[in-house]
Protein backbone atom coordinates (compact mmCIF):
# COMPACT_ATOMS: atom_id res chain seq x y z
CA UNK A 1 -11.08 -4.83 -8.94
CA UNK A 2 -10.28 -3.96 -5.38
CA UNK A 3 -7.02 -3.76 -3.47
CA UNK A 4 -7.17 -4.56 0.23
CA UNK A 5 -4.65 -4.95 3.01
CA UNK A 6 -4.88 -8.37 4.67
CA UNK A 7 -2.66 -9.70 7.44
CA UNK A 8 0.16 -7.32 6.56
CA UNK A 9 -0.03 -8.04 2.82
CA UNK A 10 -1.82 -6.26 -0.01
CA UNK A 11 -4.17 -8.46 -2.03
CA UNK A 12 -5.90 -7.80 -5.33
CA UNK A 13 -9.51 -8.96 -5.67
CA UNK A 14 -10.79 -9.20 -9.24
CA UNK A 15 -13.85 -10.65 -10.93
CA UNK A 16 -13.48 -13.57 -13.34
CA UNK A 17 -14.46 -12.68 -16.89
CA UNK A 18 -15.16 -15.69 -19.09
CA UNK A 19 -13.74 -15.46 -22.57
CA UNK A 20 -10.66 -15.66 -24.71
CA UNK A 21 -7.28 -14.74 -23.23
CA UNK A 22 -4.96 -12.30 -24.96
CA UNK A 23 -2.50 -15.15 -25.55
CA UNK A 24 -5.23 -17.17 -27.29
CA UNK A 25 -6.26 -14.19 -29.43
CA UNK A 26 -2.68 -13.46 -30.51
CA UNK A 27 -2.24 -17.12 -31.49
CA UNK A 28 -5.08 -16.73 -34.01
CA UNK A 29 -2.94 -14.40 -36.10
CA UNK A 30 -3.08 -10.78 -37.20
CA UNK A 31 -5.97 -8.61 -36.05
CA UNK A 32 -7.55 -5.52 -37.50
CA UNK A 33 -6.33 -2.15 -36.25
CA UNK A 34 -9.63 -1.44 -34.48
CA UNK A 35 -9.41 -4.68 -32.50
CA UNK A 36 -5.75 -4.08 -31.59
CA UNK A 37 -6.57 -0.55 -30.42
CA UNK A 38 -9.52 -1.80 -28.35
CA UNK A 39 -7.38 -4.44 -26.65
CA UNK A 40 -4.57 -1.94 -26.05
CA UNK A 41 -7.02 0.51 -24.49
CA UNK A 42 -8.42 -2.17 -22.17
CA UNK A 43 -4.92 -3.23 -21.07
CA UNK A 44 -3.91 0.39 -20.43
CA UNK A 45 -7.05 1.10 -18.40
CA UNK A 46 -6.51 -2.05 -16.35
CA UNK A 47 -2.90 -1.15 -15.61
CA UNK A 48 -3.91 2.39 -14.69
CA UNK A 49 -6.58 1.13 -12.27
CA UNK A 50 -4.12 -1.32 -10.71
CA UNK A 51 -1.45 1.34 -10.25
CA UNK A 52 -3.95 3.80 -8.76
CA UNK A 53 -5.31 1.16 -6.38
CA UNK A 54 -1.84 0.18 -5.17
CA UNK A 55 -0.92 3.82 -4.56
CA UNK A 56 -4.12 4.35 -2.57
CA UNK A 57 -3.58 1.16 -0.53
CA UNK A 58 0.00 2.10 0.36
CA UNK A 59 -0.91 5.53 1.77
């Protein structure tokens, strides 16, 4: 992921990762604790990277 200023706007550039969406996974029903923790960790890391990138781009 990269955050770049472009024509007075900030844009987010991300790679496409083929696979199941979180919405699709949740629709399958309950998941084991290990899987839920793994997904939660990935979401948290992604949000942290996004927040850090926005802060850096706004400076």
